[in-house]
N, C-alpha and C. Protein backbone atom coordinates (compact mmCIF):
# COMPACT_ATOMS: atom_id res chain seq x y z
N GLY A 1 -63.66 153.22 -121.93
CA GLY A 1 -62.95 154.44 -121.61
C GLY A 1 -63.26 154.92 -120.21
N ALA A 2 -62.55 155.92 -119.81
CA ALA A 2 -62.72 156.50 -118.48
C ALA A 2 -64.09 157.17 -118.38
N LYS A 3 -64.71 157.01 -117.24
CA LYS A 3 -66.03 157.60 -117.00
C LYS A 3 -66.02 158.61 -115.86
N GLY A 4 -64.83 158.90 -115.34
CA GLY A 4 -64.68 159.88 -114.28
C GLY A 4 -63.24 160.37 -114.24
N ILE A 5 -63.05 161.59 -113.77
CA ILE A 5 -61.73 162.20 -113.76
C ILE A 5 -61.45 162.81 -112.39
N VAL A 6 -60.23 162.59 -111.90
CA VAL A 6 -59.76 163.25 -110.69
C VAL A 6 -58.64 164.20 -111.12
N TYR A 7 -58.94 165.48 -111.17
CA TYR A 7 -57.92 166.48 -111.47
C TYR A 7 -57.21 166.79 -110.16
N THR A 8 -55.92 166.47 -110.09
CA THR A 8 -55.17 166.58 -108.84
C THR A 8 -53.98 167.51 -108.99
N PHE A 9 -53.75 168.30 -107.96
CA PHE A 9 -52.56 169.16 -107.93
C PHE A 9 -51.96 169.12 -106.53
N ASP A 10 -50.70 169.53 -106.45
CA ASP A 10 -49.94 169.58 -105.21
C ASP A 10 -50.16 170.96 -104.58
N LEU A 11 -50.70 170.98 -103.38
CA LEU A 11 -50.99 172.24 -102.70
C LEU A 11 -49.75 173.09 -102.45
N THR A 12 -48.58 172.49 -102.52
CA THR A 12 -47.34 173.22 -102.24
C THR A 12 -46.58 173.61 -103.51
N ARG A 13 -47.12 173.27 -104.68
CA ARG A 13 -46.43 173.56 -105.95
C ARG A 13 -47.40 174.19 -106.95
N ARG A 14 -47.31 175.48 -107.12
CA ARG A 14 -48.24 176.24 -107.97
C ARG A 14 -48.29 175.71 -109.41
N GLU A 15 -47.13 175.29 -109.94
CA GLU A 15 -47.11 174.86 -111.34
C GLU A 15 -48.00 173.65 -111.58
N THR A 16 -48.19 172.81 -110.57
CA THR A 16 -49.08 171.64 -110.76
C THR A 16 -50.53 172.09 -110.89
N PHE A 17 -50.88 173.15 -110.21
CA PHE A 17 -52.22 173.74 -110.31
C PHE A 17 -52.40 174.39 -111.68
N ASP A 18 -51.41 175.16 -112.09
CA ASP A 18 -51.48 175.88 -113.36
C ASP A 18 -51.57 174.94 -114.56
N ASN A 19 -51.01 173.75 -114.45
CA ASN A 19 -51.01 172.79 -115.55
C ASN A 19 -52.36 172.10 -115.76
N LEU A 20 -53.28 172.24 -114.83
CA LEU A 20 -54.54 171.50 -114.93
C LEU A 20 -55.39 171.90 -116.13
N LEU A 21 -55.34 173.14 -116.55
CA LEU A 21 -56.12 173.54 -117.72
C LEU A 21 -55.62 172.84 -118.98
N THR A 22 -54.31 172.66 -119.08
CA THR A 22 -53.74 171.91 -120.21
C THR A 22 -54.20 170.46 -120.15
N TRP A 23 -54.17 169.88 -118.95
CA TRP A 23 -54.62 168.49 -118.79
C TRP A 23 -56.09 168.35 -119.14
N LYS A 24 -56.89 169.33 -118.75
CA LYS A 24 -58.33 169.30 -119.07
C LYS A 24 -58.54 169.21 -120.58
N GLU A 25 -57.84 170.06 -121.32
CA GLU A 25 -57.98 170.05 -122.78
C GLU A 25 -57.57 168.70 -123.36
N GLU A 26 -56.46 168.16 -122.88
CA GLU A 26 -55.98 166.88 -123.39
C GLU A 26 -56.94 165.74 -123.07
N VAL A 27 -57.40 165.70 -121.83
CA VAL A 27 -58.32 164.64 -121.41
C VAL A 27 -59.63 164.72 -122.20
N GLU A 28 -60.21 165.90 -122.28
CA GLU A 28 -61.49 166.05 -122.97
C GLU A 28 -61.39 165.77 -124.46
N SER A 29 -60.22 166.01 -125.05
CA SER A 29 -60.05 165.71 -126.47
C SER A 29 -60.05 164.20 -126.71
N LYS A 30 -59.70 163.43 -125.69
CA LYS A 30 -59.64 161.98 -125.82
C LYS A 30 -60.91 161.26 -125.36
N ILE A 31 -61.51 161.74 -124.25
CA ILE A 31 -62.66 161.00 -123.70
C ILE A 31 -63.91 161.84 -123.55
N GLY A 32 -63.85 163.10 -123.94
CA GLY A 32 -65.01 163.96 -123.79
C GLY A 32 -65.16 164.45 -122.36
N ILE A 33 -66.25 165.13 -122.12
CA ILE A 33 -66.53 165.67 -120.78
C ILE A 33 -67.11 164.55 -119.92
N GLN A 34 -66.50 164.34 -118.77
CA GLN A 34 -66.91 163.29 -117.84
C GLN A 34 -67.08 163.90 -116.45
N PRO A 35 -67.84 163.24 -115.56
CA PRO A 35 -67.89 163.72 -114.18
C PRO A 35 -66.47 163.81 -113.61
N ASN A 36 -66.22 164.87 -112.87
CA ASN A 36 -64.88 165.03 -112.32
C ASN A 36 -64.91 165.76 -111.00
N ILE A 37 -63.82 165.60 -110.28
CA ILE A 37 -63.61 166.32 -109.03
C ILE A 37 -62.23 166.96 -109.09
N LEU A 38 -62.04 167.98 -108.29
CA LEU A 38 -60.76 168.68 -108.17
C LEU A 38 -60.18 168.36 -106.80
N VAL A 39 -58.92 167.94 -106.77
CA VAL A 39 -58.28 167.53 -105.52
C VAL A 39 -56.95 168.25 -105.36
N GLY A 40 -56.81 168.95 -104.24
CA GLY A 40 -55.53 169.51 -103.83
C GLY A 40 -54.92 168.55 -102.84
N ASN A 41 -53.78 167.96 -103.18
CA ASN A 41 -53.16 166.94 -102.34
C ASN A 41 -51.96 167.51 -101.57
N LYS A 42 -51.49 166.75 -100.62
CA LYS A 42 -50.39 167.07 -99.71
C LYS A 42 -50.82 168.06 -98.64
N LEU A 43 -52.06 167.91 -98.18
CA LEU A 43 -52.59 168.73 -97.10
C LEU A 43 -51.71 168.60 -95.85
N ASP A 44 -51.09 167.43 -95.68
CA ASP A 44 -50.23 167.21 -94.51
C ASP A 44 -49.01 168.13 -94.50
N LEU A 45 -48.61 168.66 -95.65
CA LEU A 45 -47.45 169.55 -95.72
C LEU A 45 -47.83 171.02 -95.65
N LEU A 46 -49.12 171.28 -95.62
CA LEU A 46 -49.60 172.65 -95.76
C LEU A 46 -49.56 173.43 -94.46
N ASN A 47 -49.04 174.62 -94.55
CA ASN A 47 -49.24 175.64 -93.52
C ASN A 47 -49.34 176.96 -94.26
N SER A 48 -49.70 178.00 -93.58
CA SER A 48 -49.98 179.27 -94.27
C SER A 48 -48.76 179.81 -95.00
N ASP A 49 -47.56 179.43 -94.57
CA ASP A 49 -46.34 179.92 -95.21
C ASP A 49 -46.09 179.30 -96.58
N ILE A 50 -46.51 178.03 -96.75
CA ILE A 50 -46.20 177.37 -98.02
C ILE A 50 -47.42 177.12 -98.90
N ARG A 51 -48.56 177.62 -98.49
CA ARG A 51 -49.76 177.47 -99.33
C ARG A 51 -49.55 178.29 -100.60
N LYS A 52 -49.52 177.63 -101.73
CA LYS A 52 -49.23 178.30 -103.00
C LYS A 52 -50.49 178.62 -103.80
N ILE A 53 -51.62 178.05 -103.41
CA ILE A 53 -52.85 178.25 -104.16
C ILE A 53 -53.92 178.77 -103.21
N LYS A 54 -54.49 179.92 -103.53
CA LYS A 54 -55.55 180.50 -102.70
C LYS A 54 -56.86 179.75 -102.94
N LEU A 55 -57.71 179.71 -101.92
CA LEU A 55 -59.01 179.06 -102.06
C LEU A 55 -59.85 179.71 -103.15
N GLU A 56 -59.71 181.00 -103.32
CA GLU A 56 -60.42 181.70 -104.40
C GLU A 56 -60.01 181.13 -105.77
N ASP A 57 -58.71 180.85 -105.91
CA ASP A 57 -58.22 180.28 -107.17
C ASP A 57 -58.77 178.88 -107.40
N THR A 58 -58.85 178.09 -106.33
CA THR A 58 -59.38 176.73 -106.49
C THR A 58 -60.86 176.77 -106.84
N ASN A 59 -61.60 177.71 -106.25
CA ASN A 59 -63.02 177.84 -106.58
C ASN A 59 -63.21 178.25 -108.04
N ASN A 60 -62.36 179.14 -108.53
CA ASN A 60 -62.44 179.53 -109.94
C ASN A 60 -62.13 178.36 -110.85
N LEU A 61 -61.08 177.60 -110.53
CA LEU A 61 -60.71 176.45 -111.36
C LEU A 61 -61.79 175.38 -111.30
N LYS A 62 -62.37 175.17 -110.14
CA LYS A 62 -63.46 174.20 -110.01
C LYS A 62 -64.57 174.55 -111.00
N HIS A 63 -64.88 175.81 -111.11
CA HIS A 63 -65.92 176.27 -112.04
C HIS A 63 -65.50 176.00 -113.50
N VAL A 64 -64.27 176.34 -113.85
CA VAL A 64 -63.77 176.15 -115.21
C VAL A 64 -63.76 174.67 -115.59
N LEU A 65 -63.37 173.82 -114.65
CA LEU A 65 -63.31 172.37 -114.91
C LEU A 65 -64.69 171.72 -114.88
N THR A 66 -65.68 172.46 -114.42
CA THR A 66 -67.02 171.92 -114.12
C THR A 66 -66.91 170.75 -113.14
N ALA A 67 -65.98 170.89 -112.19
CA ALA A 67 -65.78 169.86 -111.17
C ALA A 67 -66.97 169.85 -110.22
N ARG A 68 -67.39 168.66 -109.83
CA ARG A 68 -68.55 168.52 -108.95
C ARG A 68 -68.23 168.95 -107.52
N GLU A 69 -66.94 168.82 -107.14
CA GLU A 69 -66.55 169.14 -105.76
C GLU A 69 -65.05 169.40 -105.73
N TYR A 70 -64.61 170.11 -104.68
CA TYR A 70 -63.18 170.32 -104.44
C TYR A 70 -62.84 169.76 -103.06
N TYR A 71 -61.75 168.99 -103.01
CA TYR A 71 -61.28 168.40 -101.76
C TYR A 71 -59.81 168.73 -101.57
N GLU A 72 -59.43 168.95 -100.31
CA GLU A 72 -58.02 169.02 -99.95
C GLU A 72 -57.73 167.75 -99.19
N THR A 73 -56.76 166.98 -99.71
CA THR A 73 -56.49 165.64 -99.19
C THR A 73 -55.04 165.48 -98.77
N SER A 74 -54.82 164.42 -98.01
CA SER A 74 -53.47 163.95 -97.72
C SER A 74 -53.45 162.46 -98.06
N ALA A 75 -52.78 162.13 -99.16
CA ALA A 75 -52.65 160.72 -99.52
C ALA A 75 -51.80 160.01 -98.46
N LYS A 76 -50.86 160.72 -97.88
CA LYS A 76 -49.98 160.14 -96.86
C LYS A 76 -50.77 159.63 -95.66
N PHE A 77 -51.74 160.42 -95.21
CA PHE A 77 -52.53 160.04 -94.03
C PHE A 77 -53.95 159.59 -94.37
N GLY A 78 -54.32 159.65 -95.64
CA GLY A 78 -55.65 159.22 -96.06
C GLY A 78 -56.74 160.25 -95.78
N THR A 79 -56.36 161.46 -95.45
CA THR A 79 -57.33 162.50 -95.12
C THR A 79 -58.19 162.87 -96.32
N LYS A 80 -59.49 162.66 -96.18
CA LYS A 80 -60.51 162.98 -97.18
C LYS A 80 -60.36 162.26 -98.52
N VAL A 81 -59.47 161.30 -98.60
CA VAL A 81 -59.30 160.54 -99.85
C VAL A 81 -60.56 159.73 -100.14
N ASP A 82 -61.07 159.04 -99.12
CA ASP A 82 -62.30 158.26 -99.31
C ASP A 82 -63.47 159.16 -99.69
N ASP A 83 -63.57 160.33 -99.07
CA ASP A 83 -64.65 161.26 -99.39
C ASP A 83 -64.60 161.66 -100.87
N ALA A 84 -63.40 161.96 -101.34
CA ALA A 84 -63.24 162.40 -102.73
C ALA A 84 -63.66 161.31 -103.70
N PHE A 85 -63.16 160.09 -103.49
CA PHE A 85 -63.50 159.01 -104.41
C PHE A 85 -64.95 158.58 -104.29
N SER A 86 -65.52 158.66 -103.11
CA SER A 86 -66.94 158.35 -102.95
C SER A 86 -67.80 159.34 -103.72
N LYS A 87 -67.45 160.62 -103.66
CA LYS A 87 -68.19 161.64 -104.40
C LYS A 87 -68.09 161.40 -105.90
N LEU A 88 -66.89 161.09 -106.37
CA LEU A 88 -66.72 160.84 -107.80
C LEU A 88 -67.52 159.61 -108.23
N ALA A 89 -67.47 158.55 -107.44
CA ALA A 89 -68.23 157.34 -107.77
C ALA A 89 -69.72 157.64 -107.84
N LEU A 90 -70.23 158.42 -106.91
CA LEU A 90 -71.64 158.80 -106.91
C LEU A 90 -72.00 159.59 -108.17
N GLU A 91 -71.15 160.53 -108.54
CA GLU A 91 -71.40 161.34 -109.74
C GLU A 91 -71.33 160.50 -111.01
N MET A 92 -70.43 159.53 -111.04
CA MET A 92 -70.33 158.63 -112.19
C MET A 92 -71.59 157.77 -112.29
N TYR A 93 -72.06 157.30 -111.15
CA TYR A 93 -73.28 156.49 -111.11
C TYR A 93 -74.48 157.29 -111.63
N LYS A 94 -74.59 158.54 -111.15
CA LYS A 94 -75.69 159.40 -111.61
C LYS A 94 -75.62 159.62 -113.12
N ALA A 95 -74.43 159.90 -113.63
CA ALA A 95 -74.26 160.14 -115.07
C ALA A 95 -74.61 158.89 -115.87
N PHE A 96 -74.22 157.73 -115.37
CA PHE A 96 -74.52 156.48 -116.05
C PHE A 96 -76.03 156.27 -116.13
N ASN A 97 -76.71 156.49 -115.02
CA ASN A 97 -78.17 156.30 -114.99
C ASN A 97 -78.91 157.32 -115.86
N GLU A 98 -78.37 158.53 -115.96
CA GLU A 98 -79.00 159.54 -116.82
C GLU A 98 -78.88 159.16 -118.29
N ASN A 99 -77.82 158.44 -118.64
CA ASN A 99 -77.58 158.06 -120.03
C ASN A 99 -78.23 156.75 -120.42
N GLU A 100 -78.85 156.08 -119.49
CA GLU A 100 -79.49 154.78 -119.77
C GLU A 100 -80.79 154.98 -120.51
């Protein structure tokens, strides 16, 4: 089964952010609580006029998800994508070693 989770939402579409709590419940019902990170994607499209999610909201959701870190990424340009996956891999490794 999955040993890590990337909760991802579109920085320009509020409904994708709002749906993450439903996804959390569904994922945890199937695989339990796993190391996870929160990722806001489409940073390349972001400007102050179209930002739909406040940083305060992402910090609150990060806490609710028990996410290890929050990243704003651009899959289009690769911005912070490696950082996000490296952090998740490290957290998965730590969790694996703690359970050994």
